[in-house]
Amino acid sequence: MSDVEALQTTLAAEHAAVYVFGLLGGRTSASATPQLFGAVSAAYTAHRGRRDQLTRTLLDLGETPVAAEAAYEVDGAVTGPDRVAAVALSTEEACAATYSWLVANTVADERRWAIGALNEAAVRALVFRGTPEMFPGADEHTDR
């Protein structure tokens, strides 16, 4: 697999994360659940930034970035703060897995960038009631 293919796969995952966190933002309330609203908003901003960075990187490499889908499926209804947190957690865990995979499939600057993104996704997962992992995103190394 080339760095470009790995970056394209990761960009596709970030498109999905931006969509999901946008959806979750519409299902939270700054007044009723300010911490959750802040965490969802921060995650949305972070994923948008990662998506934009991946897009710029691919353009700089002379590649056409993969486009976002029109919509993405979210498992189950997103009603209430507990469900918002659960969907946010599963999205961050999926992003951590994608970035773990990107670390394994890139070198040099792209790998360093992927390590930073993996760390950030793992920390955001904790905000949404995740558990600390020794190797976030690498299920084969989990300590569960």
C-alpha atoms as a PDB file:
ATOM      1  CA  MET A   1       0.000   0.000   0.000  1.00  0.00           C
ATOM      2  CA  SER A   2       1.297   3.441  -0.877  1.00  0.00           C
ATOM      3  CA  ASP A   3       1.290   6.480   1.403  1.00  0.00           C
ATOM      4  CA  VAL A   4      -1.278   8.041  -0.938  1.00  0.00           C
ATOM      5  CA  GLU A   5      -3.689   5.109  -0.561  1.00  0.00           C
ATOM      6  CA  ALA A   6      -3.280   5.214   3.210  1.00  0.00           C
ATOM      7  CA  LEU A   7      -3.900   8.960   3.277  1.00  0.00           C
ATOM      8  CA  GLN A   8      -6.989   8.587   1.056  1.00  0.00           C
ATOM      9  CA  THR A   9      -8.421   5.891   3.349  1.00  0.00           C
ATOM     10  CA  THR A  10      -7.835   8.108   6.370  1.00  0.00           C
ATOM     11  CA  LEU A  11      -9.418  11.089   4.619  1.00  0.00           C
ATOM     12  CA  ALA A  12     -12.519   8.989   3.951  1.00  0.00           C
ATOM     13  CA  ALA A  13     -12.687   8.169   7.674  1.00  0.00           C
ATOM     14  CA  GLU A  14     -12.351  11.841   8.583  1.00  0.00           C
ATOM     15  CA  HIS A  15     -15.173  12.749   6.206  1.00  0.00           C
ATOM     16  CA  ALA A  16     -17.348  10.299   8.135  1.00  0.00           C
ATOM     17  CA  ALA A  17     -16.226  11.664  11.518  1.00  0.00           C
ATOM     18  CA  VAL A  18     -17.012  15.245  10.489  1.00  0.00           C
ATOM     19  CA  TYR A  19     -20.486  14.146   9.398  1.00  0.00           C
ATOM     20  CA  VAL A  20     -21.164  12.207  12.599  1.00  0.00           C
ATOM     21  CA  PHE A  21     -19.953  14.956  14.928  1.00  0.00           C
ATOM     22  CA  GLY A  22     -22.011  17.487  12.976  1.00  0.00           C
ATOM     23  CA  LEU A  23     -25.038  15.265  13.515  1.00  0.00           C
ATOM     24  CA  LEU A  24     -24.231  14.880  17.216  1.00  0.00           C
ATOM     25  CA  GLY A  25     -23.821  18.629  17.598  1.00  0.00           C
ATOM     26  CA  GLY A  26     -27.407  19.018  16.480  1.00  0.00           C
ATOM     27  CA  ARG A  27     -28.495  16.563  19.164  1.00  0.00           C
ATOM     28  CA  THR A  28     -26.787  18.260  22.111  1.00  0.00           C
ATOM     29  CA  SER A  29     -27.597  21.399  24.043  1.00  0.00           C
ATOM     30  CA  ALA A  30     -25.179  24.056  25.243  1.00  0.00           C
ATOM     31  CA  SER A  31     -27.544  24.873  28.105  1.00  0.00           C
ATOM     32  CA  ALA A  32     -28.759  21.388  29.138  1.00  0.00           C
ATOM     33  CA  THR A  33     -25.493  19.448  28.687  1.00  0.00           C
ATOM     34  CA  PRO A  34     -22.705  22.032  28.374  1.00  0.00           C
ATOM     35  CA  GLN A  35     -19.825  19.581  28.902  1.00  0.00           C
ATOM     36  CA  LEU A  36     -21.105  17.171  26.276  1.00  0.00           C
ATOM     37  CA  PHE A  37     -21.882  20.010  23.890  1.00  0.00           C
ATOM     38  CA  GLY A  38     -18.356  21.385  24.352  1.00  0.00           C
ATOM     39  CA  ALA A  39     -16.756  17.991  23.826  1.00  0.00           C
ATOM     40  CA  VAL A  40     -18.789  17.285  20.682  1.00  0.00           C
ATOM     41  CA  SER A  41     -18.032  20.763  19.332  1.00  0.00           C
ATOM     42  CA  ALA A  42     -14.309  20.353  20.038  1.00  0.00           C
ATOM     43  CA  ALA A  43     -14.279  16.941  18.343  1.00  0.00           C
ATOM     44  CA  TYR A  44     -16.073  18.362  15.307  1.00  0.00           C
ATOM     45  CA  THR A  45     -13.501  21.152  15.027  1.00  0.00           C
ATOM     46  CA  ALA A  46     -10.590  18.738  15.454  1.00  0.00           C
ATOM     47  CA  HIS A  47     -11.878  16.324  12.812  1.00  0.00           C
ATOM     48  CA  ARG A  48     -12.572  19.155  10.401  1.00  0.00           C
ATOM     49  CA  GLY A  49      -8.981  20.299  10.865  1.00  0.00           C
ATOM     50  CA  ARG A  50      -7.617  16.780  10.296  1.00  0.00           C
ATOM     51  CA  ARG A  51      -9.810  16.390   7.214  1.00  0.00           C
ATOM     52  CA  ASP A  52      -8.588  19.703   5.814  1.00  0.00           C
ATOM     53  CA  GLN A  53      -4.947  18.806   6.539  1.00  0.00           C
ATOM     54  CA  LEU A  54      -5.301  15.461   4.771  1.00  0.00           C
ATOM     55  CA  THR A  55      -6.923  17.208   1.814  1.00  0.00           C
ATOM     56  CA  ARG A  56      -4.041  19.709   1.591  1.00  0.00           C
ATOM     57  CA  THR A  57      -1.464  16.936   1.879  1.00  0.00           C
ATOM     58  CA  LEU A  58      -3.046  14.979  -0.958  1.00  0.00           C
ATOM     59  CA  LEU A  59      -3.329  18.083  -3.126  1.00  0.00           C
ATOM     60  CA  ASP A  60       0.337  18.887  -2.437  1.00  0.00           C
ATOM     61  CA  LEU A  61       1.172  15.377  -3.644  1.00  0.00           C
ATOM     62  CA  GLY A  62      -0.700  16.085  -6.876  1.00  0.00           C
ATOM     63  CA  GLU A  63      -3.548  13.736  -5.970  1.00  0.00           C
ATOM     64  CA  THR A  64      -7.300  14.253  -6.075  1.00  0.00           C
ATOM     65  CA  PRO A  65      -8.632  13.812  -2.528  1.00  0.00           C
ATOM     66  CA  VAL A  66     -11.415  11.266  -2.072  1.00  0.00           C
ATOM     67  CA  ALA A  67     -14.794  12.981  -1.834  1.00  0.00           C
ATOM     68  CA  ALA A  68     -17.147  12.731   1.104  1.00  0.00           C
ATOM     69  CA  GLU A  69     -20.245  10.580   0.834  1.00  0.00           C
ATOM     70  CA  ALA A  70     -23.613  12.331   0.735  1.00  0.00           C
ATOM     71  CA  ALA A  71     -24.485  10.810   4.131  1.00  0.00           C
ATOM     72  CA  TYR A  72     -23.174   8.245   6.605  1.00  0.00           C
ATOM     73  CA  GLU A  73     -25.088   5.678   8.618  1.00  0.00           C
ATOM     74  CA  VAL A  74     -25.164   5.972  12.390  1.00  0.00           C
ATOM     75  CA  ASP A  75     -26.057   2.836  14.353  1.00  0.00           C
ATOM     76  CA  GLY A  76     -29.353   3.298  16.139  1.00  0.00           C
ATOM     77  CA  ALA A  77     -31.276   6.402  17.034  1.00  0.00           C
ATOM     78  CA  VAL A  78     -29.332   9.238  18.617  1.00  0.00           C
ATOM     79  CA  THR A  79     -31.674  10.376  21.360  1.00  0.00           C
ATOM     80  CA  GLY A  80     -30.453  11.750  24.643  1.00  0.00           C
ATOM     81  CA  PRO A  81     -27.050  12.611  26.038  1.00  0.00           C
ATOM     82  CA  ASP A  82     -26.017   9.033  26.838  1.00  0.00           C
ATOM     83  CA  ARG A  83     -26.578   7.961  23.253  1.00  0.00           C
ATOM     84  CA  VAL A  84     -24.733  11.032  21.923  1.00  0.00           C
ATOM     85  CA  ALA A  85     -21.754  10.153  24.128  1.00  0.00           C
ATOM     86  CA  ALA A  86     -21.866   6.504  23.031  1.00  0.00           C
ATOM     87  CA  VAL A  87     -21.877   7.390  19.327  1.00  0.00           C
ATOM     88  CA  ALA A  88     -19.109   9.950  19.897  1.00  0.00           C
ATOM     89  CA  LEU A  89     -17.045   7.326  21.711  1.00  0.00           C
ATOM     90  CA  SER A  90     -17.460   4.731  18.971  1.00  0.00           C
ATOM     91  CA  THR A  91     -16.557   7.353  16.353  1.00  0.00           C
ATOM     92  CA  GLU A  92     -13.368   8.307  18.200  1.00  0.00           C
ATOM     93  CA  GLU A  93     -12.465   4.643  18.655  1.00  0.00           C
ATOM     94  CA  ALA A  94     -12.935   4.083  14.914  1.00  0.00           C
ATOM     95  CA  CYS A  95     -10.759   7.111  14.178  1.00  0.00           C
ATOM     96  CA  ALA A  96      -8.086   5.827  16.554  1.00  0.00           C
ATOM     97  CA  ALA A  97      -8.123   2.498  14.720  1.00  0.00           C
ATOM     98  CA  THR A  98      -7.788   4.290  11.379  1.00  0.00           C
ATOM     99  CA  TYR A  99      -4.897   6.404  12.625  1.00  0.00           C
ATOM    100  CA  SER A 100      -3.220   3.350  14.142  1.00  0.00           C
ATOM    101  CA  TRP A 101      -3.452   1.744  10.709  1.00  0.00           C
ATOM    102  CA  LEU A 102      -2.097   4.941   9.097  1.00  0.00           C
ATOM    103  CA  VAL A 103       0.905   4.884  11.443  1.00  0.00           C
ATOM    104  CA  ALA A 104       1.653   1.358  10.249  1.00  0.00           C
ATOM    105  CA  ASN A 105       1.313   2.309   6.576  1.00  0.00           C
ATOM    106  CA  THR A 106       3.245   5.565   6.319  1.00  0.00           C
ATOM    107  CA  VAL A 107       6.736   6.868   6.979  1.00  0.00           C
ATOM    108  CA  ALA A 108       8.510  10.095   7.928  1.00  0.00           C
ATOM    109  CA  ASP A 109       6.340  13.225   8.235  1.00  0.00           C
ATOM    110  CA  GLU A 110       3.087  11.428   7.461  1.00  0.00           C
ATOM    111  CA  ARG A 111       3.793   8.891  10.218  1.00  0.00           C
ATOM    112  CA  ARG A 112       4.646  11.593  12.765  1.00  0.00           C
ATOM    113  CA  TRP A 113       1.434  13.402  11.865  1.00  0.00           C
ATOM    114  CA  ALA A 114      -0.564  10.162  12.172  1.00  0.00           C
ATOM    115  CA  ILE A 115       0.900   9.504  15.625  1.00  0.00           C
ATOM    116  CA  GLY A 116      -0.267  12.942  16.769  1.00  0.00           C
ATOM    117  CA  ALA A 117      -3.732  12.336  15.334  1.00  0.00           C
ATOM    118  CA  LEU A 118      -3.895   8.917  17.020  1.00  0.00           C
ATOM    119  CA  ASN A 119      -2.955  10.443  20.381  1.00  0.00           C
ATOM    120  CA  GLU A 120      -5.605  13.121  20.032  1.00  0.00           C
ATOM    121  CA  ALA A 121      -8.325  10.621  19.076  1.00  0.00           C
ATOM    122  CA  ALA A 122      -7.410   8.444  22.069  1.00  0.00           C
ATOM    123  CA  VAL A 123      -7.661  11.410  24.447  1.00  0.00           C
ATOM    124  CA  ARG A 124     -10.993  12.506  22.963  1.00  0.00           C
ATOM    125  CA  ALA A 125     -12.292   8.953  23.461  1.00  0.00           C
ATOM    126  CA  LEU A 126     -11.601   9.346  27.179  1.00  0.00           C
ATOM    127  CA  VAL A 127     -13.752  12.474  27.250  1.00  0.00           C
ATOM    128  CA  PHE A 128     -16.655  10.396  25.934  1.00  0.00           C
ATOM    129  CA  ARG A 129     -16.238   7.820  28.740  1.00  0.00           C
ATOM    130  CA  GLY A 130     -13.739   5.614  26.989  1.00  0.00           C
ATOM    131  CA  THR A 131     -11.142   3.585  28.854  1.00  0.00           C
ATOM    132  CA  PRO A 132      -7.400   4.172  28.580  1.00  0.00           C
ATOM    133  CA  GLU A 133      -5.674   1.762  26.231  1.00  0.00           C
ATOM    134  CA  MET A 134      -2.023   0.831  26.109  1.00  0.00           C
ATOM    135  CA  PHE A 135      -2.134   0.809  22.298  1.00  0.00           C
ATOM    136  CA  PRO A 136      -5.202   2.832  21.257  1.00  0.00           C
ATOM    137  CA  GLY A 137      -6.647   1.824  17.934  1.00  0.00           C
ATOM    138  CA  ALA A 138      -4.730  -1.466  17.844  1.00  0.00           C
ATOM    139  CA  ASP A 139      -7.279  -4.045  18.965  1.00  0.00           C
ATOM    140  CA  GLU A 140      -4.771  -6.875  18.709  1.00  0.00           C
ATOM    141  CA  HIS A 141      -2.802  -5.237  21.549  1.00  0.00           C
ATOM    142  CA  THR A 142      -5.637  -4.276  23.880  1.00  0.00           C
ATOM    143  CA  ASP A 143      -5.349  -5.218  27.502  1.00  0.00           C
ATOM    144  CA  ARG A 144      -9.020  -6.119  27.930  1.00  0.00           C
END
